[in-house]
Amino acid sequence: MTQTSVEMLPTNLNVLSVASEMYPLIKTGGLGDVVGSLPGALRTYGIKTHTLLPGYPSVMDALEGRQIVKQFDNVLGYAVTIWEGVTKNRALFVADVPALYNRAGNPYGSPTGQDWPDNGIRYAVLARIGAFIAQGYLEHWRPAVVQTHDWHSALVAAYLHYDAVEAPPVVHVIHNLAFQGIFPRNKLEEFGLPPHAFALEGLEYHGQISFLKGALFFANRLTAVSPTYAEEIQTPEHGMGLDGLLRTRSAALNGILNGLDLSEWDPMTDPAVTFPYAVGDIIGRRANKRVLQAEFGLPQTTETFLLGLVSRLTTQKGVDILAEIVPRLFEWNIQLIIVGVGDREIMRSLAELQSRYPHQLACHLHYSETLGHKLHSAVDASLIPSRFEPCGLTQLHALRYGSVPIAARVGGLSDTIVDANSAAIAEGVANGVLFAPTNSETLLVAIRRAYALFQQKSVWARLQRNGALHDVSWEGKAAEYAQLFRELAGHSPLHHNTYAEIAPRRGDILQRSFRALRRIQPARMPLGGQKSESLKSTGTYA
């Protein structure tokens, strides 16, 4: 493992991050987590980030010390007020356009799950404001580099190109190439783009407009969220029709793994964890397993292999193939808890399976940030059967909390998980189980292999400890972003020490004294098979 360490640098380089979501203000997935946690990690390396967000109700409500810094009478047909403020130590600019952003539901769709029909103009306005800020429209602040994320802010690079005025370089982050922001050709003028933008060397994509293509073509640099994903998207299999363009831009494309905010993901201080324990303390986490079994109405048996899946319930995440093998899975002493929301047909099949196997399968078919933390603190293994996975944060959460990931060998999963084959076990470096290709049979074999390892208590404990020792923080990864930003801005490079490390870094596992651990008291459990009243009353059980 390569580790980078630097001294704290003065925040002397301004970066504008333009995104559609940011945890904890608004989040639908990993994009929000990364946009929320990366700025804090970058401060160590002398980077000060202002994030431009749409003025969703949750963002406007959380903005502290806010003041108006700019007003536009007409941005693509809408009056826009730019607010500046902070929330949870994050510096924000907010594009306040009530007609576009003051809505119920998630950022992209209504409470009934339908995409907003005007999503094109909603995020074109966001990108247009991002381009204006980049060009110096704010008198008191101007960025040295602009960072954009996925299709929602991808037009920033296109606007800067077609405006043909002096502007800072743009780094575009590819979180998921599958979502491209495709809109009809006749929207070109509405989006404020010139007619010649509809071209092969522009935004034209199979007769339509692709927001994402605008960034892939015009951004100065491209970063994918893992090294393996950066390679995969240059192939027809994973390139989503853009692999040819990405191959032509391969010199400008690299992969940087995502990291976690360790203050948010610490089982000793996480309020979602019933019985707190230190990172790497596999004994201390055992009581959480019985608690979770009780809360979901499953028999509280220690020897049962408890699997968990927390995910968007979609075909990308491979949840459909998991549903296919459930009857065969439960021939063994296995329980499965599923948390998430997504495709209606997948959810229907899971609900039907839960009714058939009430003592082995429990589902919470809703989004729950709390259960997303609690599950990893309690289950023996976390399932991640994705057909493709740009980086994946789920496996990082699992590793951190001592749950062994069982994952498809794709994207960032293969960059962060060392498969428990005989050689890796003998060398003491395995931390999970990988399988390929992604289908129901290979998933079943992987679970069977993990089940056999679970019976070998010392081997399983080593897998758990290796996972906890794995560096899932932003340290090092944020340094790569900082190095890139400083290079593009013409600043001096970071002075850092790089060294090879044979074993995973022990980092945060030893940061707390084990003497500080509170003694685990026996839990007062509901009778086996009864769902916890507290869980039902808080709405965290489907």
Protein backbone atom coordinates (compact mmCIF):
# COMPACT_ATOMS: atom_id res chain seq x y z
CA MET A 1 0.00 0.00 0.00
CA THR A 2 1.24 3.48 -0.78
CA GLN A 3 0.69 6.05 1.90
CA THR A 4 1.00 9.81 1.51
CA SER A 5 1.50 12.10 4.49
CA VAL A 6 1.71 15.86 4.45
CA GLU A 7 1.78 18.67 6.94
CA MET A 8 -1.23 20.95 7.21
CA LEU A 9 -0.90 23.62 4.53
CA PRO A 10 -2.45 27.10 4.51
CA THR A 11 -5.72 27.23 2.55
CA ASN A 12 -4.29 29.16 -0.38
CA LEU A 13 -6.15 27.63 -3.30
CA ASN A 14 -9.88 28.17 -3.91
CA VAL A 15 -11.93 25.43 -5.57
CA LEU A 16 -15.55 25.72 -6.68
CA SER A 17 -17.38 22.39 -6.42
CA VAL A 18 -20.69 22.27 -8.34
CA ALA A 19 -23.04 19.44 -7.43
CA SER A 20 -26.70 18.43 -7.18
CA GLU A 21 -26.48 16.94 -3.68
CA MET A 22 -24.35 17.08 -0.56
CA TYR A 23 -24.62 15.10 2.66
CA PRO A 24 -26.01 15.85 5.22
CA LEU A 25 -28.22 18.44 3.50
CA ILE A 26 -29.53 16.36 0.61
CA LYS A 27 -28.50 12.87 -0.48
CA THR A 28 -29.68 10.00 -2.66
CA GLY A 29 -26.45 7.99 -2.76
CA GLY A 30 -22.67 8.04 -2.78
CA LEU A 31 -22.47 11.27 -4.78
CA GLY A 32 -23.87 13.21 -1.84
CA ASP A 33 -21.48 11.52 0.59
CA VAL A 34 -18.42 12.38 -1.48
CA VAL A 35 -19.43 15.98 -2.16
CA GLY A 36 -20.05 16.39 1.57
CA SER A 37 -16.86 14.81 2.92
CA LEU A 38 -14.15 15.64 0.36
CA PRO A 39 -13.93 19.40 1.09
CA GLY A 40 -13.01 18.75 4.72
CA ALA A 41 -10.29 16.32 3.69
CA LEU A 42 -8.90 18.80 1.15
CA ARG A 43 -8.37 21.50 3.80
CA THR A 44 -5.41 19.52 5.10
CA TYR A 45 -3.73 20.05 1.74
CA GLY A 46 -4.30 23.78 1.44
CA ILE A 47 -7.53 23.58 -0.61
CA LYS A 48 -10.55 25.67 0.40
CA THR A 49 -13.75 24.49 -1.28
CA HIS A 50 -16.97 26.41 -1.82
CA THR A 51 -19.77 24.11 -2.96
CA LEU A 52 -22.52 25.44 -5.23
CA LEU A 53 -25.85 23.69 -4.61
CA PRO A 54 -29.41 24.20 -5.84
CA GLY A 55 -31.68 25.97 -3.36
CA TYR A 56 -33.65 22.93 -2.24
CA PRO A 57 -35.73 23.52 0.92
CA SER A 58 -33.35 21.44 3.06
CA VAL A 59 -30.36 23.44 1.81
CA MET A 60 -32.00 26.83 2.37
CA ASP A 61 -33.11 25.82 5.87
CA ALA A 62 -29.60 24.70 6.88
CA LEU A 63 -27.70 27.73 5.54
CA GLU A 64 -26.24 29.72 8.44
CA GLY A 65 -25.04 33.33 8.36
CA ARG A 66 -26.36 33.62 4.86
CA GLN A 67 -26.10 36.73 2.78
CA ILE A 68 -26.93 37.60 -0.81
CA VAL A 69 -23.78 37.91 -2.92
CA LYS A 70 -25.32 38.20 -6.39
CA GLN A 71 -28.67 38.49 -8.13
CA PHE A 72 -29.38 37.70 -11.77
CA ASP A 73 -32.53 38.93 -13.46
CA ASN A 74 -32.45 36.33 -16.22
CA VAL A 75 -30.52 33.08 -16.28
CA LEU A 76 -32.04 30.88 -18.98
CA GLY A 77 -35.36 32.54 -18.27
CA TYR A 78 -35.22 32.51 -14.46
CA ALA A 79 -34.36 35.10 -11.81
CA VAL A 80 -31.61 33.72 -9.57
CA THR A 81 -30.40 34.83 -6.15
CA ILE A 82 -26.98 33.57 -5.04
CA TRP A 83 -26.63 33.14 -1.30
CA GLU A 84 -23.39 32.49 0.57
CA GLY A 85 -23.25 30.82 3.95
CA VAL A 86 -21.99 27.86 5.93
CA THR A 87 -23.42 24.67 7.34
CA LYS A 88 -21.57 22.16 9.50
CA ASN A 89 -18.26 23.86 8.67
CA ARG A 90 -18.91 23.64 4.93
CA ALA A 91 -18.74 26.81 2.80
CA LEU A 92 -21.65 27.06 0.38
CA PHE A 93 -23.01 29.08 -2.48
CA VAL A 94 -26.69 28.39 -3.12
CA ALA A 95 -28.58 29.09 -6.34
CA ASP A 96 -32.00 30.12 -5.07
CA VAL A 97 -34.67 29.64 -7.77
CA PRO A 98 -37.91 28.63 -6.01
CA ALA A 99 -39.68 27.77 -9.27
CA LEU A 100 -37.02 25.12 -9.97
CA TYR A 101 -35.86 23.83 -6.60
CA ASN A 102 -38.48 24.52 -3.92
CA ARG A 103 -40.21 21.14 -4.23
CA ALA A 104 -40.99 18.08 -2.18
CA GLY A 105 -39.38 14.75 -3.03
CA ASN A 106 -35.76 13.95 -3.74
CA PRO A 107 -33.58 16.22 -5.92
CA TYR A 108 -34.61 14.57 -9.17
CA GLY A 109 -38.18 13.41 -8.75
CA SER A 110 -41.52 13.79 -7.03
CA PRO A 111 -42.61 11.96 -3.86
CA THR A 112 -44.32 9.42 -6.15
CA GLY A 113 -41.00 8.54 -7.77
CA GLN A 114 -41.46 10.23 -11.14
CA ASP A 115 -38.60 12.30 -12.59
CA TRP A 116 -39.35 16.02 -12.77
CA PRO A 117 -40.09 16.77 -16.45
CA ASP A 118 -38.02 19.97 -16.29
CA ASN A 119 -34.85 18.39 -14.90
CA GLY A 120 -32.95 19.58 -17.96
CA ILE A 121 -33.48 23.28 -17.29
CA ARG A 122 -33.16 22.79 -13.51
CA TYR A 123 -29.57 21.59 -13.83
CA ALA A 124 -28.72 23.73 -16.85
CA VAL A 125 -29.40 26.77 -14.63
CA LEU A 126 -27.19 25.31 -11.89
CA ALA A 127 -24.34 24.75 -14.38
CA ARG A 128 -24.81 28.20 -15.96
CA ILE A 129 -24.48 29.82 -12.51
CA GLY A 130 -21.39 27.68 -11.87
CA ALA A 131 -19.84 28.98 -15.09
CA PHE A 132 -20.66 32.59 -14.15
CA ILE A 133 -18.96 32.18 -10.75
CA ALA A 134 -15.95 30.61 -12.45
CA GLN A 135 -15.71 33.62 -14.77
CA GLY A 136 -15.55 36.06 -11.86
CA TYR A 137 -19.14 37.29 -11.53
CA LEU A 138 -18.73 37.41 -7.73
CA GLU A 139 -16.70 40.46 -6.79
CA HIS A 140 -15.21 38.98 -3.60
CA TRP A 141 -14.36 35.43 -4.65
CA ARG A 142 -13.11 33.53 -7.68
CA PRO A 143 -11.92 29.93 -7.92
CA ALA A 144 -8.58 28.75 -9.23
CA VAL A 145 -10.12 25.41 -10.25
CA VAL A 146 -13.69 24.18 -10.78
CA GLN A 147 -14.74 20.65 -9.85
CA THR A 148 -17.99 19.32 -11.32
CA HIS A 149 -19.84 16.10 -10.52
CA ASP A 150 -21.84 13.77 -12.79
CA TRP A 151 -24.32 15.00 -15.39
CA HIS A 152 -26.07 17.55 -13.20
CA SER A 153 -23.18 20.04 -13.34
CA ALA A 154 -21.48 18.73 -16.49
CA LEU A 155 -22.56 21.71 -18.61
CA VAL A 156 -20.21 24.01 -16.68
CA ALA A 157 -17.31 22.92 -18.91
CA ALA A 158 -19.45 23.33 -22.03
CA TYR A 159 -20.61 26.83 -21.10
CA LEU A 160 -17.04 27.91 -20.37
CA HIS A 161 -15.92 26.51 -23.73
CA TYR A 162 -18.64 28.19 -25.80
CA ASP A 163 -18.39 31.47 -23.88
CA ALA A 164 -14.74 31.61 -25.02
CA VAL A 165 -13.66 33.90 -22.17
CA GLU A 166 -10.90 33.52 -19.60
CA ALA A 167 -11.86 30.90 -17.02
CA PRO A 168 -10.20 28.48 -14.60
CA PRO A 169 -9.66 24.82 -15.53
CA VAL A 170 -12.40 22.26 -14.90
CA VAL A 171 -11.98 18.82 -13.33
CA HIS A 172 -15.03 16.62 -13.88
CA VAL A 173 -15.68 13.67 -11.57
CA ILE A 174 -17.40 10.63 -13.08
CA HIS A 175 -19.37 9.05 -10.24
CA ASN A 176 -21.60 6.91 -12.48
CA LEU A 177 -21.41 6.94 -16.26
CA ALA A 178 -24.82 5.28 -16.54
CA PHE A 179 -26.57 8.57 -15.76
CA GLN A 180 -25.85 10.97 -18.61
CA GLY A 181 -28.49 13.69 -18.61
CA ILE A 182 -30.06 12.98 -22.02
CA PHE A 183 -32.54 15.53 -23.39
CA PRO A 184 -34.19 16.27 -26.77
CA ARG A 185 -32.30 18.20 -29.42
CA ASN A 186 -34.95 20.94 -29.50
CA LYS A 187 -33.93 21.95 -25.94
CA LEU A 188 -30.58 23.31 -27.13
CA GLU A 189 -31.69 26.94 -27.25
CA GLU A 190 -33.58 26.65 -23.96
CA PHE A 191 -30.33 25.51 -22.34
CA GLY A 192 -28.51 28.55 -23.73
CA LEU A 193 -26.22 26.57 -26.01
CA PRO A 194 -25.27 27.70 -29.54
CA PRO A 195 -26.46 25.70 -32.57
CA HIS A 196 -22.96 24.45 -33.33
CA ALA A 197 -22.86 22.75 -29.89
CA PHE A 198 -25.02 20.03 -31.42
CA ALA A 199 -22.15 18.21 -33.09
CA LEU A 200 -20.10 15.05 -32.75
CA GLU A 201 -17.35 17.17 -31.19
CA GLY A 202 -19.87 18.68 -28.81
CA LEU A 203 -23.02 17.58 -27.00
CA GLU A 204 -24.69 15.48 -29.71
CA TYR A 205 -25.38 11.92 -28.56
CA HIS A 206 -27.39 9.65 -30.88
CA GLY A 207 -29.57 12.53 -32.04
CA GLN A 208 -30.07 14.00 -28.57
CA ILE A 209 -28.21 16.26 -26.12
CA SER A 210 -25.97 14.67 -23.49
CA PHE A 211 -25.03 16.92 -20.58
CA LEU A 212 -22.38 14.44 -19.46
CA LYS A 213 -20.73 14.40 -22.86
CA GLY A 214 -20.20 18.15 -22.52
CA ALA A 215 -17.91 17.55 -19.55
CA LEU A 216 -16.20 14.49 -21.02
CA PHE A 217 -15.35 16.49 -24.12
CA PHE A 218 -14.51 19.93 -22.70
CA ALA A 219 -13.27 19.49 -19.11
CA ASN A 220 -9.52 19.92 -18.68
CA ARG A 221 -9.22 16.75 -16.63
CA LEU A 222 -11.47 13.79 -15.86
CA THR A 223 -11.40 11.68 -12.72
CA ALA A 224 -13.33 8.46 -12.15
CA VAL A 225 -14.00 7.35 -8.59
CA SER A 226 -11.68 4.33 -8.71
CA PRO A 227 -8.70 3.26 -10.81
CA THR A 228 -10.42 0.12 -12.08
CA TYR A 229 -13.57 2.04 -13.06
CA ALA A 230 -11.40 4.51 -15.01
CA GLU A 231 -10.20 1.54 -17.06
CA GLU A 232 -13.60 -0.17 -17.34
CA ILE A 233 -15.39 2.87 -18.80
CA GLN A 234 -12.98 2.88 -21.72
CA THR A 235 -14.39 -0.50 -22.83
CA PRO A 236 -17.62 -1.18 -24.79
CA GLU A 237 -18.93 -3.31 -21.92
CA HIS A 238 -18.91 -0.50 -19.36
CA GLY A 239 -18.53 2.65 -21.48
CA MET A 240 -22.28 3.26 -21.93
CA GLY A 241 -21.72 4.36 -25.53
CA LEU A 242 -19.02 6.86 -24.53
CA ASP A 243 -16.05 4.51 -24.42
CA GLY A 244 -14.67 5.80 -27.72
CA LEU A 245 -14.62 9.39 -26.46
CA LEU A 246 -13.07 8.30 -23.17
CA ARG A 247 -10.33 6.40 -24.96
CA THR A 248 -9.46 9.51 -26.94
CA ARG A 249 -9.22 11.40 -23.64
CA SER A 250 -7.37 8.67 -21.75
CA ALA A 251 -4.37 10.94 -21.13
CA ALA A 252 -6.66 13.33 -19.22
CA LEU A 253 -8.46 10.56 -17.29
CA ASN A 254 -7.40 8.90 -14.06
CA GLY A 255 -9.06 7.13 -11.16
CA ILE A 256 -9.02 8.26 -7.52
CA LEU A 257 -10.76 6.14 -4.91
CA ASN A 258 -13.39 7.63 -2.66
CA GLY A 259 -12.89 7.84 1.07
CA LEU A 260 -15.02 8.13 4.19
CA ASP A 261 -15.40 10.83 6.79
CA LEU A 262 -14.18 8.79 9.76
CA SER A 263 -16.02 11.04 12.21
CA GLU A 264 -19.27 9.97 10.55
CA TRP A 265 -18.23 6.32 10.37
CA ASP A 266 -16.88 5.44 13.81
CA PRO A 267 -18.61 2.54 15.62
CA MET A 268 -17.48 3.94 18.97
CA THR A 269 -19.35 7.24 18.54
CA ASP A 270 -21.98 6.43 15.88
CA PRO A 271 -25.43 7.03 17.42
CA ALA A 272 -26.90 4.33 15.16
CA VAL A 273 -24.76 1.64 16.82
CA THR A 274 -26.61 0.07 19.75
CA PHE A 275 -23.51 -1.18 21.55
CA PRO A 276 -20.51 1.02 20.65
CA TYR A 277 -17.19 -0.70 20.03
CA ALA A 278 -13.73 0.29 18.84
CA VAL A 279 -12.76 -0.13 15.21
CA GLY A 280 -11.39 -3.67 14.92
CA ASP A 281 -13.02 -4.94 18.13
CA ILE A 282 -14.83 -7.97 16.73
CA ILE A 283 -15.83 -9.20 20.19
CA GLY A 284 -17.46 -5.90 21.12
CA ARG A 285 -19.69 -5.89 18.04
CA ARG A 286 -21.28 -9.29 18.71
CA ALA A 287 -24.11 -8.00 20.89
CA ASN A 288 -25.27 -5.81 17.99
CA LYS A 289 -26.05 -8.91 15.95
CA ARG A 290 -28.63 -10.15 18.47
CA VAL A 291 -30.14 -6.67 18.72
CA LEU A 292 -30.61 -6.42 14.95
CA GLN A 293 -32.06 -9.93 14.75
CA ALA A 294 -34.54 -9.02 17.48
CA GLU A 295 -35.50 -5.72 15.88
CA PHE A 296 -36.30 -7.42 12.59
CA GLY A 297 -38.18 -10.30 14.19
CA LEU A 298 -35.58 -12.95 13.36
CA PRO A 299 -34.52 -15.74 15.74
CA GLN A 300 -31.62 -14.55 17.89
CA THR A 301 -29.10 -17.28 17.17
CA THR A 302 -25.39 -16.54 17.32
CA GLU A 303 -24.34 -19.40 15.05
CA THR A 304 -26.64 -18.29 12.22
CA PHE A 305 -24.78 -16.63 9.35
CA LEU A 306 -26.39 -13.16 9.22
CA LEU A 307 -26.14 -11.43 5.85
CA GLY A 308 -27.08 -7.83 5.15
CA LEU A 309 -27.68 -5.74 2.06
CA VAL A 310 -28.17 -1.97 2.16
CA SER A 311 -28.50 -0.50 -1.31
CA ARG A 312 -30.61 1.04 -3.99
CA LEU A 313 -32.74 -1.90 -5.09
CA THR A 314 -31.90 -1.88 -8.79
CA THR A 315 -30.52 -4.20 -11.44
CA GLN A 316 -27.23 -2.25 -11.41
CA LYS A 317 -26.83 -3.30 -7.77
CA GLY A 318 -27.63 -6.91 -8.66
CA VAL A 319 -30.52 -7.19 -6.21
CA ASP A 320 -32.58 -9.08 -8.79
CA ILE A 321 -30.10 -11.96 -8.90
CA LEU A 322 -30.06 -12.10 -5.11
CA ALA A 323 -33.84 -12.53 -5.14
CA GLU A 324 -33.41 -15.45 -7.57
CA ILE A 325 -31.28 -17.50 -5.15
CA VAL A 326 -33.12 -16.81 -1.88
CA PRO A 327 -34.91 -20.23 -1.77
CA ARG A 328 -31.60 -22.10 -2.18
CA LEU A 329 -29.81 -19.72 0.18
CA PHE A 330 -32.12 -20.60 3.04
CA GLU A 331 -31.34 -24.30 2.80
CA TRP A 332 -28.42 -23.37 5.06
CA ASN A 333 -28.40 -21.74 8.49
CA ILE A 334 -28.55 -18.22 7.01
CA GLN A 335 -30.57 -15.11 7.69
CA LEU A 336 -30.76 -12.06 5.42
CA ILE A 337 -31.75 -8.45 6.17
CA ILE A 338 -32.33 -6.08 3.22
CA VAL A 339 -32.58 -2.29 3.55
CA GLY A 340 -33.31 -0.02 0.60
CA VAL A 341 -35.73 1.28 -1.97
CA GLY A 342 -35.76 1.16 -5.75
CA ASP A 343 -37.30 -0.79 -8.61
CA ARG A 344 -40.95 -1.60 -7.88
CA GLU A 345 -40.77 -5.12 -9.32
CA ILE A 346 -37.69 -5.99 -7.27
CA MET A 347 -39.36 -4.62 -4.14
CA ARG A 348 -42.50 -6.65 -4.88
CA SER A 349 -40.51 -9.87 -5.26
CA LEU A 350 -38.62 -9.22 -2.01
CA ALA A 351 -41.83 -8.56 -0.11
CA GLU A 352 -43.27 -11.83 -1.43
CA LEU A 353 -40.14 -13.73 -0.42
CA GLN A 354 -40.28 -12.19 3.06
CA SER A 355 -43.79 -13.57 3.51
CA ARG A 356 -42.54 -17.05 2.51
CA TYR A 357 -39.46 -17.00 4.75
CA PRO A 358 -40.41 -14.86 7.77
CA HIS A 359 -37.79 -16.43 10.06
CA GLN A 360 -34.89 -15.97 7.63
CA LEU A 361 -35.62 -12.88 5.54
CA ALA A 362 -36.52 -9.39 6.77
CA CYS A 363 -36.86 -6.33 4.53
CA HIS A 364 -37.05 -2.62 5.20
CA LEU A 365 -38.11 -1.35 1.78
CA HIS A 366 -37.47 2.31 2.49
CA TYR A 367 -34.43 4.57 2.60
CA SER A 368 -32.90 4.75 6.08
CA GLU A 369 -29.60 6.47 6.84
CA THR A 370 -29.71 5.08 10.40
CA LEU A 371 -30.16 1.47 9.31
CA GLY A 372 -27.41 2.00 6.74
CA HIS A 373 -25.03 2.44 9.67
CA LYS A 374 -26.60 -0.01 12.11
CA LEU A 375 -26.67 -2.92 9.67
CA HIS A 376 -22.89 -2.93 9.14
CA SER A 377 -22.29 -2.89 12.90
CA ALA A 378 -24.26 -6.11 13.33
CA VAL A 379 -24.27 -8.43 10.29
CA ASP A 380 -21.58 -11.02 9.71
CA ALA A 381 -21.26 -10.20 6.00
CA SER A 382 -22.49 -7.49 3.64
CA LEU A 383 -23.68 -8.41 0.14
CA ILE A 384 -22.68 -6.20 -2.82
CA PRO A 385 -23.60 -8.13 -6.00
CA SER A 386 -23.30 -5.13 -8.35
CA ARG A 387 -23.18 -5.55 -12.12
CA PHE A 388 -20.95 -2.48 -12.15
CA GLU A 389 -19.74 -0.32 -9.26
CA PRO A 390 -17.77 2.86 -9.96
CA CYS A 391 -16.29 2.95 -6.47
CA GLY A 392 -18.80 1.82 -3.92
CA LEU A 393 -19.00 3.15 -0.40
CA THR A 394 -20.91 0.17 1.00
CA GLN A 395 -17.84 -2.04 1.09
CA LEU A 396 -15.89 0.74 2.83
CA HIS A 397 -18.63 1.01 5.46
CA ALA A 398 -18.61 -2.78 5.90
CA LEU A 399 -14.83 -3.02 6.22
CA ARG A 400 -14.73 -0.17 8.72
CA TYR A 401 -17.41 -1.76 10.93
CA GLY A 402 -16.14 -5.35 10.79
CA SER A 403 -18.67 -6.83 8.37
CA VAL A 404 -17.02 -8.99 5.71
CA PRO A 405 -18.01 -7.86 2.18
CA ILE A 406 -19.16 -10.45 -0.37
CA ALA A 407 -18.90 -8.50 -3.61
CA ALA A 408 -18.72 -8.66 -7.38
CA ARG A 409 -15.23 -8.22 -8.81
CA VAL A 410 -15.94 -4.92 -10.57
CA GLY A 411 -14.84 -1.29 -10.31
CA GLY A 412 -13.87 0.01 -6.92
CA LEU A 413 -14.92 -3.23 -5.26
CA SER A 414 -11.92 -4.97 -6.79
CA ASP A 415 -9.69 -2.04 -5.77
CA THR A 416 -10.60 -2.28 -2.08
CA ILE A 417 -11.36 -5.95 -1.36
CA VAL A 418 -8.75 -8.71 -1.20
CA ASP A 419 -10.44 -12.02 -2.00
CA ALA A 420 -10.23 -14.76 0.62
CA ASN A 421 -8.60 -17.35 -1.62
CA SER A 422 -6.22 -19.85 -0.06
CA ALA A 423 -3.11 -17.81 -0.88
CA ALA A 424 -4.49 -14.56 0.55
CA ILE A 425 -5.68 -16.35 3.68
CA ALA A 426 -2.25 -17.95 4.12
CA GLU A 427 -0.57 -14.55 3.72
CA GLY A 428 -3.02 -13.00 6.17
CA VAL A 429 -4.18 -10.24 3.81
CA ALA A 430 -7.73 -11.31 2.81
CA ASN A 431 -10.61 -9.07 3.89
CA GLY A 432 -13.60 -10.23 1.82
CA VAL A 433 -14.99 -12.53 -0.85
CA LEU A 434 -15.07 -11.56 -4.54
CA PHE A 435 -16.87 -13.27 -7.40
CA ALA A 436 -17.18 -12.89 -11.17
CA PRO A 437 -19.02 -12.69 -13.45
CA THR A 438 -22.08 -11.20 -11.76
CA ASN A 439 -24.88 -13.76 -11.95
CA SER A 440 -26.99 -15.79 -9.56
CA GLU A 441 -24.81 -18.91 -9.69
CA THR A 442 -21.53 -17.14 -8.98
CA LEU A 443 -23.19 -15.18 -6.16
CA LEU A 444 -24.48 -18.40 -4.62
CA VAL A 445 -21.02 -19.97 -4.82
CA ALA A 446 -19.49 -16.88 -3.18
CA ILE A 447 -21.98 -16.97 -0.31
CA ARG A 448 -21.38 -20.70 0.13
CA ARG A 449 -17.63 -20.03 0.26
CA ALA A 450 -18.14 -17.27 2.84
CA TYR A 451 -20.45 -19.55 4.83
CA ALA A 452 -17.71 -22.18 5.01
CA LEU A 453 -15.18 -19.55 6.15
CA PHE A 454 -17.64 -18.34 8.81
CA GLN A 455 -17.50 -21.82 10.36
CA GLN A 456 -13.73 -21.35 10.79
CA LYS A 457 -13.87 -18.81 13.59
CA SER A 458 -10.20 -17.85 13.62
CA VAL A 459 -10.14 -17.35 9.85
CA TRP A 460 -13.33 -15.29 9.92
CA ALA A 461 -12.01 -13.15 12.76
CA ARG A 462 -8.88 -12.44 10.72
CA LEU A 463 -11.01 -11.33 7.74
CA GLN A 464 -12.91 -8.96 10.01
CA ARG A 465 -9.75 -7.50 11.54
CA ASN A 466 -8.09 -7.07 8.16
CA GLY A 467 -11.13 -5.16 6.99
CA ALA A 468 -11.01 -2.86 10.00
CA LEU A 469 -7.29 -2.26 9.39
CA HIS A 470 -7.92 -1.23 5.78
CA ASP A 471 -7.50 2.52 5.24
CA VAL A 472 -10.93 3.75 4.15
CA SER A 473 -10.25 7.40 4.98
CA TRP A 474 -9.69 10.29 2.57
CA GLU A 475 -6.03 10.46 3.57
CA GLY A 476 -3.91 9.97 0.48
CA LYS A 477 -6.89 10.11 -1.88
CA ALA A 478 -7.57 13.75 -1.03
CA ALA A 479 -3.86 14.39 -1.58
CA GLU A 480 -4.23 13.13 -5.16
CA TYR A 481 -7.05 15.60 -5.78
CA ALA A 482 -5.03 18.38 -4.17
CA GLN A 483 -2.01 17.55 -6.33
CA LEU A 484 -4.20 17.69 -9.44
CA PHE A 485 -5.80 20.99 -8.47
CA ARG A 486 -2.45 22.61 -7.67
CA GLU A 487 -0.98 21.39 -10.96
CA LEU A 488 -3.88 22.83 -12.97
CA ALA A 489 -3.77 26.12 -11.06
CA GLY A 490 -0.03 26.46 -11.64
CA HIS A 491 0.84 26.20 -7.95
CA SER A 492 3.86 24.44 -6.54
CA PRO A 493 3.41 20.71 -5.97
CA LEU A 494 2.78 19.22 -2.57
CA HIS A 495 5.83 18.23 -0.56
CA HIS A 496 5.08 14.80 0.73
CA ASN A 497 6.70 11.56 1.81
CA THR A 498 5.72 8.40 0.04
CA TYR A 499 6.65 5.00 1.36
CA ALA A 500 5.73 1.42 0.71
CA GLU A 501 3.82 -0.39 3.41
CA ILE A 502 3.51 -4.15 3.44
CA ALA A 503 0.74 -4.43 6.04
CA PRO A 504 -2.39 -2.29 6.08
CA ARG A 505 -1.98 0.84 8.18
CA ARG A 506 -3.28 0.49 11.71
CA GLY A 507 -4.27 4.17 11.67
CA ASP A 508 -7.40 4.77 13.57
CA ILE A 509 -7.74 1.29 15.06
CA LEU A 510 -5.20 2.19 17.74
CA GLN A 511 -6.27 5.77 18.21
CA ARG A 512 -8.42 4.89 21.20
CA SER A 513 -7.38 3.05 24.29
CA PHE A 514 -9.23 -0.20 24.66
CA ARG A 515 -9.41 0.61 28.37
CA ALA A 516 -11.89 3.31 27.35
CA LEU A 517 -14.30 0.67 26.08
CA ARG A 518 -17.34 0.43 28.24
CA ARG A 519 -18.24 -3.02 29.42
CA ILE A 520 -20.87 -4.60 27.22
CA GLN A 521 -23.96 -5.42 29.26
CA PRO A 522 -26.40 -8.12 28.25
CA ALA A 523 -29.10 -6.70 26.01
CA ARG A 524 -32.73 -6.91 26.98
CA MET A 525 -34.13 -8.61 23.96
CA PRO A 526 -37.69 -9.07 22.75
CA LEU A 527 -38.69 -12.70 22.52
CA GLY A 528 -37.41 -14.37 19.37
CA GLY A 529 -39.65 -13.84 16.37
CA GLN A 530 -41.22 -10.65 17.74
CA LYS A 531 -40.48 -7.34 16.04
CA SER A 532 -39.19 -4.64 18.32
CA GLU A 533 -41.87 -2.12 19.26
CA SER A 534 -39.29 0.66 19.30
CA LEU A 535 -38.30 -0.16 15.74
CA LYS A 536 -41.89 -0.15 14.50
CA SER A 537 -42.71 3.09 16.29
CA THR A 538 -39.82 4.96 14.68
CA GLY A 539 -40.83 3.83 11.22
CA THR A 540 -37.67 1.87 10.51
CA TYR A 541 -39.37 -1.44 9.85
CA ALA A 542 -41.25 -2.08 6.62
